[in-house]
């Protein structure tokens, strides 16, 4: 259950606004590339820390489709 009524679009908007602030007024390709790297690292860390555990639990409950 979510703690707020925020939507996926709201989260997208907030993250986009933060990235635009971080990029500044005249970003270069390298800045965009760095921003994508940060977003990728966030994605992997969220999966590793919060989602993988749930996936492992469901494999134990329902068997592993890859076995």
C-alpha atoms as a PDB file:
ATOM      1  CA  UNK A   1       0.000   0.000   0.000  1.00  0.00           C
ATOM      2  CA  UNK A   2       1.298   3.425  -0.904  1.00  0.00           C
ATOM      3  CA  UNK A   3       1.809   6.081   1.727  1.00  0.00           C
ATOM      4  CA  UNK A   4       0.534   8.785  -0.630  1.00  0.00           C
ATOM      5  CA  UNK A   5      -1.914   9.191  -3.471  1.00  0.00           C
ATOM      6  CA  UNK A   6       0.927  10.131  -5.819  1.00  0.00           C
ATOM      7  CA  UNK A   7       0.745   8.533  -9.258  1.00  0.00           C
ATOM      8  CA  UNK A   8       3.457   7.106 -11.481  1.00  0.00           C
ATOM      9  CA  UNK A   9       3.193  10.323 -13.465  1.00  0.00           C
ATOM     10  CA  UNK A  10       3.804  12.363 -10.322  1.00  0.00           C
ATOM     11  CA  UNK A  11       6.961  10.394  -9.582  1.00  0.00           C
ATOM     12  CA  UNK A  12       8.128  10.806 -13.183  1.00  0.00           C
ATOM     13  CA  UNK A  13       7.503  14.559 -12.971  1.00  0.00           C
ATOM     14  CA  UNK A  14       9.443  14.944  -9.706  1.00  0.00           C
ATOM     15  CA  UNK A  15      12.427  12.933 -10.932  1.00  0.00           C
ATOM     16  CA  UNK A  16      12.455  14.813 -14.259  1.00  0.00           C
ATOM     17  CA  UNK A  17      12.388  18.178 -12.478  1.00  0.00           C
ATOM     18  CA  UNK A  18      15.310  17.124 -10.238  1.00  0.00           C
ATOM     19  CA  UNK A  19      17.331  15.966 -13.228  1.00  0.00           C
ATOM     20  CA  UNK A  20      16.644  19.219 -15.087  1.00  0.00           C
ATOM     21  CA  UNK A  21      17.857  21.197 -12.058  1.00  0.00           C
ATOM     22  CA  UNK A  22      20.938  18.997 -11.767  1.00  0.00           C
ATOM     23  CA  UNK A  23      21.704  19.330 -15.501  1.00  0.00           C
ATOM     24  CA  UNK A  24      21.639  23.113 -15.340  1.00  0.00           C
ATOM     25  CA  UNK A  25      20.900  25.578 -18.134  1.00  0.00           C
ATOM     26  CA  UNK A  26      23.294  24.278 -20.825  1.00  0.00           C
ATOM     27  CA  UNK A  27      23.778  20.529 -20.464  1.00  0.00           C
ATOM     28  CA  UNK A  28      26.128  18.676 -22.776  1.00  0.00           C
ATOM     29  CA  UNK A  29      25.919  15.110 -23.988  1.00  0.00           C
ATOM     30  CA  UNK A  30      28.181  13.935 -21.177  1.00  0.00           C
ATOM     31  CA  UNK A  31      25.762  15.400 -18.618  1.00  0.00           C
ATOM     32  CA  UNK A  32      22.826  13.535 -20.146  1.00  0.00           C
ATOM     33  CA  UNK A  33      24.948  10.391 -20.227  1.00  0.00           C
ATOM     34  CA  UNK A  34      25.768  10.832 -16.529  1.00  0.00           C
ATOM     35  CA  UNK A  35      22.083  11.336 -15.698  1.00  0.00           C
ATOM     36  CA  UNK A  36      21.207   8.100 -17.508  1.00  0.00           C
ATOM     37  CA  UNK A  37      23.941   6.310 -15.566  1.00  0.00           C
ATOM     38  CA  UNK A  38      22.518   7.552 -12.268  1.00  0.00           C
ATOM     39  CA  UNK A  39      18.990   6.496 -13.251  1.00  0.00           C
ATOM     40  CA  UNK A  40      20.269   3.057 -14.240  1.00  0.00           C
ATOM     41  CA  UNK A  41      22.120   2.680 -10.934  1.00  0.00           C
ATOM     42  CA  UNK A  42      18.947   3.666  -9.058  1.00  0.00           C
ATOM     43  CA  UNK A  43      16.960   1.080 -11.006  1.00  0.00           C
ATOM     44  CA  UNK A  44      19.420  -1.715 -10.273  1.00  0.00           C
ATOM     45  CA  UNK A  45      19.723  -0.793  -6.609  1.00  0.00           C
ATOM     46  CA  UNK A  46      15.939  -0.682  -6.157  1.00  0.00           C
ATOM     47  CA  UNK A  47      15.668  -4.113  -7.750  1.00  0.00           C
ATOM     48  CA  UNK A  48      18.533  -5.562  -5.719  1.00  0.00           C
ATOM     49  CA  UNK A  49      17.382  -4.156  -2.383  1.00  0.00           C
ATOM     50  CA  UNK A  50      13.584  -4.374  -2.615  1.00  0.00           C
ATOM     51  CA  UNK A  51      12.350  -6.513  -5.501  1.00  0.00           C
ATOM     52  CA  UNK A  52      14.748  -9.490  -5.672  1.00  0.00           C
ATOM     53  CA  UNK A  53      13.687 -10.637  -2.202  1.00  0.00           C
ATOM     54  CA  UNK A  54      10.049 -10.740  -3.298  1.00  0.00           C
ATOM     55  CA  UNK A  55      10.963 -12.645  -6.467  1.00  0.00           C
ATOM     56  CA  UNK A  56      12.943 -15.212  -4.450  1.00  0.00           C
ATOM     57  CA  UNK A  57      10.009 -15.671  -2.062  1.00  0.00           C
ATOM     58  CA  UNK A  58       7.617 -16.307  -4.948  1.00  0.00           C
ATOM     59  CA  UNK A  59      10.032 -18.831  -6.503  1.00  0.00           C
ATOM     60  CA  UNK A  60       9.999 -20.775  -3.231  1.00  0.00           C
ATOM     61  CA  UNK A  61       6.199 -20.635  -3.099  1.00  0.00           C
ATOM     62  CA  UNK A  62       5.502 -21.429  -6.771  1.00  0.00           C
ATOM     63  CA  UNK A  63       8.623 -23.189  -8.083  1.00  0.00           C
ATOM     64  CA  UNK A  64      11.143 -21.745 -10.471  1.00  0.00           C
ATOM     65  CA  UNK A  65      10.051 -21.419 -14.080  1.00  0.00           C
ATOM     66  CA  UNK A  66      13.710 -21.676 -15.181  1.00  0.00           C
ATOM     67  CA  UNK A  67      14.344 -25.093 -13.587  1.00  0.00           C
END
